[in-house]
Amino acid sequence: MTPVRERELEALLASPQLPVLVQRLQAILAEEAERRRAFYEQVGEGDKAEFINGQIIYHSPVRLRHNACS
């Protein structure tokens, strides 16, 4: 960890707001986990989709010319 990041972490650990921040982070992570679970339920094996940074990204279908090359 870089010295700047280490200082930021030390400041967070010393903050009286730490419990509130931890609760907020846990809520954010729980929401992301729910979105990821829903993504895996709705996306089929043939779908061109990814779950990136909490968002579902759908890719354009492969064109015939590209598919023939690969």
PDB file of N, CA and C in Angstrom:
ATOM      1  N   MET A   1       0.855  -1.170   0.000  1.00  0.00           N
ATOM      2  CA  MET A   1       0.000   0.000   0.000  1.00  0.00           C
ATOM      3  C   MET A   1       0.904   1.236   0.000  1.00  0.00           C
ATOM      4  N   THR A   2       0.534   2.222  -0.812  1.00  0.00           N
ATOM      5  CA  THR A   2       1.340   3.442  -0.880  1.00  0.00           C
ATOM      6  C   THR A   2       1.190   4.241   0.406  1.00  0.00           C
ATOM      7  N   PRO A   3       2.183   5.106   0.710  1.00  0.00           N
ATOM      8  CA  PRO A   3       2.093   5.917   1.937  1.00  0.00           C
ATOM      9  C   PRO A   3       0.834   6.775   1.990  1.00  0.00           C
ATOM     10  N   VAL A   4       0.393   7.299   0.844  1.00  0.00           N
ATOM     11  CA  VAL A   4      -0.817   8.122   0.823  1.00  0.00           C
ATOM     12  C   VAL A   4      -2.021   7.270   1.205  1.00  0.00           C
ATOM     13  N   ARG A   5      -2.153   6.098   0.628  1.00  0.00           N
ATOM     14  CA  ARG A   5      -3.264   5.197   0.951  1.00  0.00           C
ATOM     15  C   ARG A   5      -3.209   4.761   2.412  1.00  0.00           C
ATOM     16  N   GLU A   6      -2.019   4.536   2.906  1.00  0.00           N
ATOM     17  CA  GLU A   6      -1.864   4.131   4.308  1.00  0.00           C
ATOM     18  C   GLU A   6      -2.359   5.243   5.233  1.00  0.00           C
ATOM     19  N   ARG A   7      -2.039   6.487   4.904  1.00  0.00           N
ATOM     20  CA  ARG A   7      -2.505   7.618   5.716  1.00  0.00           C
ATOM     21  C   ARG A   7      -4.022   7.752   5.645  1.00  0.00           C
ATOM     22  N   GLU A   8      -4.586   7.534   4.453  1.00  0.00           N
ATOM     23  CA  GLU A   8      -6.048   7.595   4.320  1.00  0.00           C
ATOM     24  C   GLU A   8      -6.711   6.518   5.173  1.00  0.00           C
ATOM     25  N   LEU A   9      -6.162   5.337   5.151  1.00  0.00           N
ATOM     26  CA  LEU A   9      -6.697   4.241   5.955  1.00  0.00           C
ATOM     27  C   LEU A   9      -6.587   4.555   7.450  1.00  0.00           C
ATOM     28  N   GLU A  10      -5.448   5.068   7.852  1.00  0.00           N
ATOM     29  CA  GLU A  10      -5.263   5.441   9.266  1.00  0.00           C
ATOM     30  C   GLU A  10      -6.295   6.487   9.680  1.00  0.00           C
ATOM     31  N   ALA A  11      -6.554   7.467   8.799  1.00  0.00           N
ATOM     32  CA  ALA A  11      -7.534   8.518   9.106  1.00  0.00           C
ATOM     33  C   ALA A  11      -8.934   7.921   9.236  1.00  0.00           C
ATOM     34  N   LEU A  12      -9.277   6.983   8.364  1.00  0.00           N
ATOM     35  CA  LEU A  12     -10.585   6.327   8.456  1.00  0.00           C
ATOM     36  C   LEU A  12     -10.722   5.541   9.750  1.00  0.00           C
ATOM     37  N   LEU A  13      -9.695   4.807  10.083  1.00  0.00           N
ATOM     38  CA  LEU A  13      -9.738   3.995  11.297  1.00  0.00           C
ATOM     39  C   LEU A  13      -9.859   4.855  12.552  1.00  0.00           C
ATOM     40  N   ALA A  14      -9.315   6.062  12.520  1.00  0.00           N
ATOM     41  CA  ALA A  14      -9.378   6.958  13.666  1.00  0.00           C
ATOM     42  C   ALA A  14     -10.658   7.792  13.694  1.00  0.00           C
ATOM     43  N   SER A  15     -11.425   7.759  12.609  1.00  0.00           N
ATOM     44  CA  SER A  15     -12.609   8.608  12.491  1.00  0.00           C
ATOM     45  C   SER A  15     -13.763   8.091  13.346  1.00  0.00           C
ATOM     46  N   PRO A  16     -14.462   8.997  14.025  1.00  0.00           N
ATOM     47  CA  PRO A  16     -15.658   8.573  14.751  1.00  0.00           C
ATOM     48  C   PRO A  16     -16.797   8.184  13.796  1.00  0.00           C
ATOM     49  N   GLN A  17     -16.661   8.526  12.535  1.00  0.00           N
ATOM     50  CA  GLN A  17     -17.665   8.190  11.518  1.00  0.00           C
ATOM     51  C   GLN A  17     -17.474   6.779  10.952  1.00  0.00           C
ATOM     52  N   LEU A  18     -16.431   6.075  11.372  1.00  0.00           N
ATOM     53  CA  LEU A  18     -16.135   4.756  10.815  1.00  0.00           C
ATOM     54  C   LEU A  18     -17.318   3.789  10.862  1.00  0.00           C
ATOM     55  N   PRO A  19     -18.037   3.646  11.965  1.00  0.00           N
ATOM     56  CA  PRO A  19     -19.179   2.713  11.962  1.00  0.00           C
ATOM     57  C   PRO A  19     -20.244   3.074  10.912  1.00  0.00           C
ATOM     58  N   VAL A  20     -20.491   4.359  10.736  1.00  0.00           N
ATOM     59  CA  VAL A  20     -21.469   4.795   9.730  1.00  0.00           C
ATOM     60  C   VAL A  20     -20.972   4.461   8.331  1.00  0.00           C
ATOM     61  N   LEU A  21     -19.679   4.702   8.091  1.00  0.00           N
ATOM     62  CA  LEU A  21     -19.094   4.396   6.784  1.00  0.00           C
ATOM     63  C   LEU A  21     -19.122   2.894   6.506  1.00  0.00           C
ATOM     64  N   VAL A  22     -18.855   2.096   7.513  1.00  0.00           N
ATOM     65  CA  VAL A  22     -18.876   0.636   7.352  1.00  0.00           C
ATOM     66  C   VAL A  22     -20.296   0.173   7.002  1.00  0.00           C
ATOM     67  N   GLN A  23     -21.297   0.706   7.678  1.00  0.00           N
ATOM     68  CA  GLN A  23     -22.684   0.344   7.362  1.00  0.00           C
ATOM     69  C   GLN A  23     -23.032   0.725   5.925  1.00  0.00           C
ATOM     70  N   ARG A  24     -22.598   1.901   5.519  1.00  0.00           N
ATOM     71  CA  ARG A  24     -22.885   2.352   4.149  1.00  0.00           C
ATOM     72  C   ARG A  24     -22.204   1.449   3.124  1.00  0.00           C
ATOM     73  N   LEU A  25     -20.938   1.108   3.378  1.00  0.00           N
ATOM     74  CA  LEU A  25     -20.221   0.212   2.473  1.00  0.00           C
ATOM     75  C   LEU A  25     -20.887  -1.163   2.411  1.00  0.00           C
ATOM     76  N   GLN A  26     -21.330  -1.670   3.555  1.00  0.00           N
ATOM     77  CA  GLN A  26     -22.001  -2.968   3.570  1.00  0.00           C
ATOM     78  C   GLN A  26     -23.294  -2.922   2.754  1.00  0.00           C
ATOM     79  N   ALA A  27     -24.035  -1.831   2.842  1.00  0.00           N
ATOM     80  CA  ALA A  27     -25.264  -1.688   2.057  1.00  0.00           C
ATOM     81  C   ALA A  27     -24.944  -1.640   0.573  1.00  0.00           C
ATOM     82  N   ILE A  28     -23.910  -0.907   0.207  1.00  0.00           N
ATOM     83  CA  ILE A  28     -23.502  -0.817  -1.202  1.00  0.00           C
ATOM     84  C   ILE A  28     -23.088  -2.188  -1.717  1.00  0.00           C
ATOM     85  N   LEU A  29     -22.308  -2.916  -0.932  1.00  0.00           N
ATOM     86  CA  LEU A  29     -21.866  -4.255  -1.347  1.00  0.00           C
ATOM     87  C   LEU A  29     -23.035  -5.236  -1.441  1.00  0.00           C
ATOM     88  N   ALA A  30     -23.997  -5.126  -0.554  1.00  0.00           N
ATOM     89  CA  ALA A  30     -25.169  -6.005  -0.602  1.00  0.00           C
ATOM     90  C   ALA A  30     -25.995  -5.725  -1.863  1.00  0.00           C
ATOM     91  N   GLU A  31     -26.155  -4.455  -2.201  1.00  0.00           N
ATOM     92  CA  GLU A  31     -26.886  -4.106  -3.429  1.00  0.00           C
ATOM     93  C   GLU A  31     -26.167  -4.628  -4.660  1.00  0.00           C
ATOM     94  N   GLU A  32     -24.849  -4.488  -4.675  1.00  0.00           N
ATOM     95  CA  GLU A  32     -24.062  -4.979  -5.808  1.00  0.00           C
ATOM     96  C   GLU A  32     -24.171  -6.500  -5.914  1.00  0.00           C
ATOM     97  N   ALA A  33     -24.142  -7.192  -4.799  1.00  0.00           N
ATOM     98  CA  ALA A  33     -24.268  -8.643  -4.804  1.00  0.00           C
ATOM     99  C   ALA A  33     -25.636  -9.072  -5.335  1.00  0.00           C
ATOM    100  N   GLU A  34     -26.678  -8.330  -4.990  1.00  0.00           N
ATOM    101  CA  GLU A  34     -28.022  -8.637  -5.488  1.00  0.00           C
ATOM    102  C   GLU A  34     -28.096  -8.415  -6.999  1.00  0.00           C
ATOM    103  N   ARG A  35     -27.494  -7.321  -7.481  1.00  0.00           N
ATOM    104  CA  ARG A  35     -27.478  -7.071  -8.931  1.00  0.00           C
ATOM    105  C   ARG A  35     -26.699  -8.155  -9.665  1.00  0.00           C
ATOM    106  N   ARG A  36     -25.591  -8.587  -9.077  1.00  0.00           N
ATOM    107  CA  ARG A  36     -24.784  -9.653  -9.692  1.00  0.00           C
ATOM    108  C   ARG A  36     -25.580 -10.962  -9.739  1.00  0.00           C
ATOM    109  N   ARG A  37     -26.283 -11.289  -8.643  1.00  0.00           N
ATOM    110  CA  ARG A  37     -27.097 -12.511  -8.609  1.00  0.00           C
ATOM    111  C   ARG A  37     -28.180 -12.450  -9.675  1.00  0.00           C
ATOM    112  N   ALA A  38     -28.857 -11.307  -9.789  1.00  0.00           N
ATOM    113  CA  ALA A  38     -29.904 -11.138 -10.797  1.00  0.00           C
ATOM    114  C   ALA A  38     -29.317 -11.251 -12.203  1.00  0.00           C
ATOM    115  N   PHE A  39     -28.130 -10.707 -12.388  1.00  0.00           N
ATOM    116  CA  PHE A  39     -27.456 -10.791 -13.692  1.00  0.00           C
ATOM    117  C   PHE A  39     -27.249 -12.248 -14.084  1.00  0.00           C
ATOM    118  N   TYR A  40     -26.704 -13.043 -13.177  1.00  0.00           N
ATOM    119  CA  TYR A  40     -26.441 -14.445 -13.501  1.00  0.00           C
ATOM    120  C   TYR A  40     -27.724 -15.233 -13.731  1.00  0.00           C
ATOM    121  N   GLU A  41     -28.804 -14.820 -13.106  1.00  0.00           N
ATOM    122  CA  GLU A  41     -30.085 -15.490 -13.335  1.00  0.00           C
ATOM    123  C   GLU A  41     -30.683 -15.155 -14.692  1.00  0.00           C
ATOM    124  N   GLN A  42     -30.529 -13.922 -15.150  1.00  0.00           N
ATOM    125  CA  GLN A  42     -31.202 -13.492 -16.375  1.00  0.00           C
ATOM    126  C   GLN A  42     -30.371 -13.664 -17.644  1.00  0.00           C
ATOM    127  N   VAL A  43     -29.060 -13.744 -17.524  1.00  0.00           N
ATOM    128  CA  VAL A  43     -28.218 -13.834 -18.713  1.00  0.00           C
ATOM    129  C   VAL A  43     -28.029 -15.298 -19.089  1.00  0.00           C
ATOM    130  N   GLY A  44     -28.316 -15.584 -20.353  1.00  0.00           N
ATOM    131  CA  GLY A  44     -28.129 -16.935 -20.855  1.00  0.00           C
ATOM    132  C   GLY A  44     -26.706 -17.161 -21.314  1.00  0.00           C
ATOM    133  N   GLU A  45     -26.363 -18.407 -21.527  1.00  0.00           N
ATOM    134  CA  GLU A  45     -25.002 -18.739 -21.925  1.00  0.00           C
ATOM    135  C   GLU A  45     -24.643 -18.139 -23.276  1.00  0.00           C
ATOM    136  N   GLY A  46     -25.613 -17.963 -24.151  1.00  0.00           N
ATOM    137  CA  GLY A  46     -25.340 -17.408 -25.472  1.00  0.00           C
ATOM    138  C   GLY A  46     -25.329 -15.886 -25.517  1.00  0.00           C
ATOM    139  N   ASP A  47     -25.720 -15.232 -24.420  1.00  0.00           N
ATOM    140  CA  ASP A  47     -25.736 -13.768 -24.388  1.00  0.00           C
ATOM    141  C   ASP A  47     -24.328 -13.226 -24.270  1.00  0.00           C
ATOM    142  N   LYS A  48     -24.093 -12.132 -24.972  1.00  0.00           N
ATOM    143  CA  LYS A  48     -22.798 -11.456 -24.870  1.00  0.00           C
ATOM    144  C   LYS A  48     -22.962 -10.329 -23.868  1.00  0.00           C
ATOM    145  N   ALA A  49     -22.761 -10.635 -22.609  1.00  0.00           N
ATOM    146  CA  ALA A  49     -22.946  -9.643 -21.550  1.00  0.00           C
ATOM    147  C   ALA A  49     -21.908  -9.878 -20.463  1.00  0.00           C
ATOM    148  N   GLU A  50     -21.577  -8.778 -19.787  1.00  0.00           N
ATOM    149  CA  GLU A  50     -20.643  -8.833 -18.673  1.00  0.00           C
ATOM    150  C   GLU A  50     -21.187  -7.984 -17.536  1.00  0.00           C
ATOM    151  N   PHE A  51     -20.754  -8.305 -16.343  1.00  0.00           N
ATOM    152  CA  PHE A  51     -21.096  -7.521 -15.159  1.00  0.00           C
ATOM    153  C   PHE A  51     -19.824  -6.783 -14.772  1.00  0.00           C
ATOM    154  N   ILE A  52     -19.787  -5.466 -15.047  1.00  0.00           N
ATOM    155  CA  ILE A  52     -18.583  -4.671 -14.834  1.00  0.00           C
ATOM    156  C   ILE A  52     -18.898  -3.513 -13.902  1.00  0.00           C
ATOM    157  N   ASN A  53     -18.165  -3.440 -12.809  1.00  0.00           N
ATOM    158  CA  ASN A  53     -18.336  -2.342 -11.847  1.00  0.00           C
ATOM    159  C   ASN A  53     -19.796  -2.130 -11.459  1.00  0.00           C
ATOM    160  N   GLY A  54     -20.509  -3.223 -11.246  1.00  0.00           N
ATOM    161  CA  GLY A  54     -21.890  -3.121 -10.786  1.00  0.00           C
ATOM    162  C   GLY A  54     -22.913  -2.891 -11.874  1.00  0.00           C
ATOM    163  N   GLN A  55     -22.482  -2.855 -13.129  1.00  0.00           N
ATOM    164  CA  GLN A  55     -23.417  -2.622 -14.230  1.00  0.00           C
ATOM    165  C   GLN A  55     -23.370  -3.775 -15.216  1.00  0.00           C
ATOM    166  N   ILE A  56     -24.525  -4.029 -15.834  1.00  0.00           N
ATOM    167  CA  ILE A  56     -24.598  -5.050 -16.875  1.00  0.00           C
ATOM    168  C   ILE A  56     -24.281  -4.386 -18.204  1.00  0.00           C
ATOM    169  N   ILE A  57     -23.298  -4.908 -18.890  1.00  0.00           N
ATOM    170  CA  ILE A  57     -22.876  -4.391 -20.182  1.00  0.00           C
ATOM    171  C   ILE A  57     -23.191  -5.453 -21.233  1.00  0.00           C
ATOM    172  N   TYR A  58     -24.081  -5.096 -22.174  1.00  0.00           N
ATOM    173  CA  TYR A  58     -24.407  -5.989 -23.281  1.00  0.00           C
ATOM    174  C   TYR A  58     -23.576  -5.596 -24.490  1.00  0.00           C
ATOM    175  N   HIS A  59     -23.013  -6.563 -25.140  1.00  0.00           N
ATOM    176  CA  HIS A  59     -22.194  -6.322 -26.324  1.00  0.00           C
ATOM    177  C   HIS A  59     -23.021  -6.588 -27.577  1.00  0.00           C
ATOM    178  N   SER A  60     -22.638  -5.930 -28.644  1.00  0.00           N
ATOM    179  CA  SER A  60     -23.315  -6.147 -29.921  1.00  0.00           C
ATOM    180  C   SER A  60     -23.107  -7.593 -30.365  1.00  0.00           C
ATOM    181  N   PRO A  61     -24.097  -8.134 -31.057  1.00  0.00           N
ATOM    182  CA  PRO A  61     -23.928  -9.504 -31.560  1.00  0.00           C
ATOM    183  C   PRO A  61     -22.795  -9.561 -32.585  1.00  0.00           C
ATOM    184  N   VAL A  62     -22.166 -10.709 -32.653  1.00  0.00           N
ATOM    185  CA  VAL A  62     -21.074 -10.902 -33.608  1.00  0.00           C
ATOM    186  C   VAL A  62     -21.650 -10.896 -35.021  1.00  0.00           C
ATOM    187  N   ARG A  63     -20.996 -10.167 -35.888  1.00  0.00           N
ATOM    188  CA  ARG A  63     -21.417 -10.151 -37.302  1.00  0.00           C
ATOM    189  C   ARG A  63     -20.895 -11.414 -37.986  1.00  0.00           C
ATOM    190  N   LEU A  64     -21.563 -11.813 -39.035  1.00  0.00           N
ATOM    191  CA  LEU A  64     -21.219 -13.042 -39.750  1.00  0.00           C
ATOM    192  C   LEU A  64     -19.764 -13.026 -40.205  1.00  0.00           C
ATOM    193  N   ARG A  65     -19.300 -11.897 -40.742  1.00  0.00           N
ATOM    194  CA  ARG A  65     -17.921 -11.814 -41.242  1.00  0.00           C
ATOM    195  C   ARG A  65     -16.927 -12.041 -40.106  1.00  0.00           C
ATOM    196  N   HIS A  66     -17.151 -11.432 -38.975  1.00  0.00           N
ATOM    197  CA  HIS A  66     -16.263 -11.601 -37.827  1.00  0.00           C
ATOM    198  C   HIS A  66     -16.320 -13.042 -37.323  1.00  0.00           C
ATOM    199  N   ASN A  67     -17.513 -13.599 -37.264  1.00  0.00           N
ATOM    200  CA  ASN A  67     -17.682 -14.957 -36.789  1.00  0.00           C
ATOM    201  C   ASN A  67     -16.964 -15.947 -37.699  1.00  0.00           C
ATOM    202  N   ALA A  68     -16.980 -15.695 -38.998  1.00  0.00           N
ATOM    203  CA  ALA A  68     -16.299 -16.585 -39.956  1.00  0.00           C
ATOM    204  C   ALA A  68     -14.783 -16.554 -39.731  1.00  0.00           C
ATOM    205  N   CYS A  69     -14.241 -15.396 -39.359  1.00  0.00           N
ATOM    206  CA  CYS A  69     -12.805 -15.270 -39.118  1.00  0.00           C
ATOM    207  C   CYS A  69     -12.356 -16.003 -37.865  1.00  0.00           C
ATOM    208  N   SER A  70     -13.233 -15.991 -36.880  1.00  0.00           N
ATOM    209  CA  SER A  70     -12.822 -16.634 -35.633  1.00  0.00           C
ATOM    210  C   SER A  70     -13.322 -18.045 -35.591  1.00  0.00           C
TER     211      SER A  70
END
